[in-house]
């Protein structure tokens, strides 16, 4: 059974839905959302299916059932923004590292030319 399957089963058997559970499910939704960005229909189906699964596992009170999808969508947007920022930051670090490596390589080539003279 997958991790999400175990969490879902655990939450169905439990009366209390914890914030830790929501956080894990939001991360899972974010990963699935980002991996399926190529196909917008798949992305929407995945998001709606996961949102409905989480709503079903929530407490039976109407308030929580009403708020759960809205909270999860807001958290998903935040998670995706964090993911995008981390992705851009890692690209910047790699680019700076590559530029530094090229600069040091050109310095070494310059020293080799001077040594040969």
C-alpha atoms as a PDB file:
ATOM      1  CA  UNK A   1       0.000   0.000   0.000  1.00  0.00           C
ATOM      2  CA  UNK A   2       1.290   3.456  -0.868  1.00  0.00           C
ATOM      3  CA  UNK A   3       2.052   6.117   1.720  1.00  0.00           C
ATOM      4  CA  UNK A   4      -1.037   8.086   0.760  1.00  0.00           C
ATOM      5  CA  UNK A   5      -3.132   4.917   0.975  1.00  0.00           C
ATOM      6  CA  UNK A   6      -1.894   4.250   4.514  1.00  0.00           C
ATOM      7  CA  UNK A   7      -2.611   7.858   5.538  1.00  0.00           C
ATOM      8  CA  UNK A   8      -6.081   7.694   4.046  1.00  0.00           C
ATOM      9  CA  UNK A   9      -6.817   4.425   5.835  1.00  0.00           C
ATOM     10  CA  UNK A  10      -5.470   5.804   9.105  1.00  0.00           C
ATOM     11  CA  UNK A  11      -7.612   8.911   8.820  1.00  0.00           C
ATOM     12  CA  UNK A  12     -10.752   6.949   7.924  1.00  0.00           C
ATOM     13  CA  UNK A  13     -10.321   4.861  11.066  1.00  0.00           C
ATOM     14  CA  UNK A  14      -9.579   7.919  13.223  1.00  0.00           C
ATOM     15  CA  UNK A  15     -12.112  10.510  14.335  1.00  0.00           C
ATOM     16  CA  UNK A  16      -9.548  13.311  14.452  1.00  0.00           C
ATOM     17  CA  UNK A  17      -7.902  14.844  11.409  1.00  0.00           C
ATOM     18  CA  UNK A  18      -4.578  16.403  12.366  1.00  0.00           C
ATOM     19  CA  UNK A  19      -2.794  19.339  10.775  1.00  0.00           C
ATOM     20  CA  UNK A  20       0.177  17.028  10.162  1.00  0.00           C
ATOM     21  CA  UNK A  21      -2.088  14.871   8.020  1.00  0.00           C
ATOM     22  CA  UNK A  22      -3.256  17.911   6.063  1.00  0.00           C
ATOM     23  CA  UNK A  23       0.338  19.045   5.556  1.00  0.00           C
ATOM     24  CA  UNK A  24       1.388  15.628   4.229  1.00  0.00           C
ATOM     25  CA  UNK A  25      -1.607  15.451   1.919  1.00  0.00           C
ATOM     26  CA  UNK A  26      -0.951  18.973   0.631  1.00  0.00           C
ATOM     27  CA  UNK A  27       2.654  18.042  -0.146  1.00  0.00           C
ATOM     28  CA  UNK A  28       1.413  14.937  -1.948  1.00  0.00           C
ATOM     29  CA  UNK A  29      -1.079  17.055  -3.880  1.00  0.00           C
ATOM     30  CA  UNK A  30       1.660  19.533  -4.772  1.00  0.00           C
ATOM     31  CA  UNK A  31       3.940  16.789  -6.050  1.00  0.00           C
ATOM     32  CA  UNK A  32       1.175  15.243  -8.125  1.00  0.00           C
ATOM     33  CA  UNK A  33       0.066  18.681  -9.328  1.00  0.00           C
ATOM     34  CA  UNK A  34       3.564  19.649 -10.460  1.00  0.00           C
ATOM     35  CA  UNK A  35       4.227  16.291 -12.109  1.00  0.00           C
ATOM     36  CA  UNK A  36       1.011  16.490 -14.125  1.00  0.00           C
ATOM     37  CA  UNK A  37       1.330  20.100 -15.289  1.00  0.00           C
ATOM     38  CA  UNK A  38       1.800  18.950 -18.883  1.00  0.00           C
ATOM     39  CA  UNK A  39      -1.817  17.897 -19.155  1.00  0.00           C
ATOM     40  CA  UNK A  40      -4.261  20.386 -17.665  1.00  0.00           C
ATOM     41  CA  UNK A  41      -7.176  17.926 -17.648  1.00  0.00           C
ATOM     42  CA  UNK A  42      -5.121  15.389 -15.680  1.00  0.00           C
ATOM     43  CA  UNK A  43      -4.045  18.129 -13.281  1.00  0.00           C
ATOM     44  CA  UNK A  44      -7.621  19.215 -12.589  1.00  0.00           C
ATOM     45  CA  UNK A  45      -8.849  15.638 -12.201  1.00  0.00           C
ATOM     46  CA  UNK A  46      -5.998  14.814  -9.803  1.00  0.00           C
ATOM     47  CA  UNK A  47      -6.578  17.928  -7.706  1.00  0.00           C
ATOM     48  CA  UNK A  48     -10.339  17.404  -7.517  1.00  0.00           C
ATOM     49  CA  UNK A  49      -9.990  13.698  -6.710  1.00  0.00           C
ATOM     50  CA  UNK A  50      -7.530  14.322  -3.883  1.00  0.00           C
ATOM     51  CA  UNK A  51      -9.610  17.195  -2.526  1.00  0.00           C
ATOM     52  CA  UNK A  52     -12.708  15.003  -2.480  1.00  0.00           C
ATOM     53  CA  UNK A  53     -10.797  12.146  -0.791  1.00  0.00           C
ATOM     54  CA  UNK A  54      -9.589  14.487   1.940  1.00  0.00           C
ATOM     55  CA  UNK A  55     -13.084  15.931   2.368  1.00  0.00           C
ATOM     56  CA  UNK A  56     -14.464  12.417   2.825  1.00  0.00           C
ATOM     57  CA  UNK A  57     -11.947  11.628   5.559  1.00  0.00           C
ATOM     58  CA  UNK A  58     -12.632  14.843   7.467  1.00  0.00           C
ATOM     59  CA  UNK A  59     -14.978  15.091  10.411  1.00  0.00           C
ATOM     60  CA  UNK A  60     -18.662  14.913   9.571  1.00  0.00           C
ATOM     61  CA  UNK A  61     -19.362  18.425  10.767  1.00  0.00           C
ATOM     62  CA  UNK A  62     -20.623  20.645   7.968  1.00  0.00           C
ATOM     63  CA  UNK A  63     -18.207  23.446   8.808  1.00  0.00           C
ATOM     64  CA  UNK A  64     -15.111  21.307   8.391  1.00  0.00           C
ATOM     65  CA  UNK A  65     -16.491  19.704   5.242  1.00  0.00           C
ATOM     66  CA  UNK A  66     -17.087  23.162   3.786  1.00  0.00           C
ATOM     67  CA  UNK A  67     -13.680  24.597   4.734  1.00  0.00           C
ATOM     68  CA  UNK A  68     -11.460  21.610   3.931  1.00  0.00           C
ATOM     69  CA  UNK A  69     -11.269  22.048   0.129  1.00  0.00           C
ATOM     70  CA  UNK A  70     -10.768  25.798   0.430  1.00  0.00           C
ATOM     71  CA  UNK A  71      -7.966  25.442   2.992  1.00  0.00           C
ATOM     72  CA  UNK A  72      -6.250  22.743   0.959  1.00  0.00           C
ATOM     73  CA  UNK A  73      -6.401  24.743  -2.254  1.00  0.00           C
ATOM     74  CA  UNK A  74      -4.873  27.754  -0.482  1.00  0.00           C
ATOM     75  CA  UNK A  75      -2.123  25.587   1.021  1.00  0.00           C
ATOM     76  CA  UNK A  76      -1.501  23.958  -2.356  1.00  0.00           C
ATOM     77  CA  UNK A  77      -0.974  27.353  -3.974  1.00  0.00           C
ATOM     78  CA  UNK A  78       1.499  28.265  -1.213  1.00  0.00           C
ATOM     79  CA  UNK A  79       3.359  24.954  -1.602  1.00  0.00           C
ATOM     80  CA  UNK A  80       3.640  25.412  -5.356  1.00  0.00           C
ATOM     81  CA  UNK A  81       4.948  28.967  -4.917  1.00  0.00           C
ATOM     82  CA  UNK A  82       7.588  27.694  -2.455  1.00  0.00           C
ATOM     83  CA  UNK A  83       8.514  24.950  -4.929  1.00  0.00           C
ATOM     84  CA  UNK A  84       8.883  27.498  -7.746  1.00  0.00           C
ATOM     85  CA  UNK A  85      11.058  29.753  -5.562  1.00  0.00           C
ATOM     86  CA  UNK A  86      13.298  26.832  -4.601  1.00  0.00           C
ATOM     87  CA  UNK A  87      13.559  25.776  -8.236  1.00  0.00           C
ATOM     88  CA  UNK A  88      14.535  29.296  -9.351  1.00  0.00           C
ATOM     89  CA  UNK A  89      17.027  29.610  -6.482  1.00  0.00           C
ATOM     90  CA  UNK A  90      18.674  26.285  -7.326  1.00  0.00           C
ATOM     91  CA  UNK A  91      18.941  27.338 -10.984  1.00  0.00           C
ATOM     92  CA  UNK A  92      20.565  30.618  -9.908  1.00  0.00           C
ATOM     93  CA  UNK A  93      23.065  28.791  -7.699  1.00  0.00           C
ATOM     94  CA  UNK A  94      23.915  26.365 -10.498  1.00  0.00           C
ATOM     95  CA  UNK A  95      24.291  29.221 -12.996  1.00  0.00           C
ATOM     96  CA  UNK A  96      26.581  31.148 -10.622  1.00  0.00           C
ATOM     97  CA  UNK A  97      28.592  28.000  -9.968  1.00  0.00           C
ATOM     98  CA  UNK A  98      28.952  27.392 -13.700  1.00  0.00           C
ATOM     99  CA  UNK A  99      30.019  31.006 -14.288  1.00  0.00           C
ATOM    100  CA  UNK A 100      32.575  30.740 -11.485  1.00  0.00           C
ATOM    101  CA  UNK A 101      33.881  27.469 -12.882  1.00  0.00           C
ATOM    102  CA  UNK A 102      34.219  28.974 -16.379  1.00  0.00           C
ATOM    103  CA  UNK A 103      36.010  32.010 -14.939  1.00  0.00           C
ATOM    104  CA  UNK A 104      38.486  29.850 -13.030  1.00  0.00           C
ATOM    105  CA  UNK A 105      39.007  27.705 -16.140  1.00  0.00           C
ATOM    106  CA  UNK A 106      39.825  30.780 -18.232  1.00  0.00           C
ATOM    107  CA  UNK A 107      42.268  31.946 -15.530  1.00  0.00           C
ATOM    108  CA  UNK A 108      43.998  28.573 -15.644  1.00  0.00           C
ATOM    109  CA  UNK A 109      44.204  28.749 -19.430  1.00  0.00           C
ATOM    110  CA  UNK A 110      45.716  32.228 -19.129  1.00  0.00           C
ATOM    111  CA  UNK A 111      48.342  30.905 -16.688  1.00  0.00           C
ATOM    112  CA  UNK A 112      49.160  28.034 -19.043  1.00  0.00           C
ATOM    113  CA  UNK A 113      49.757  30.513 -21.885  1.00  0.00           C
ATOM    114  CA  UNK A 114      51.999  32.626 -19.653  1.00  0.00           C
ATOM    115  CA  UNK A 115      53.972  29.555 -18.534  1.00  0.00           C
ATOM    116  CA  UNK A 116      54.554  28.510 -22.144  1.00  0.00           C
ATOM    117  CA  UNK A 117      55.990  31.942 -23.032  1.00  0.00           C
END
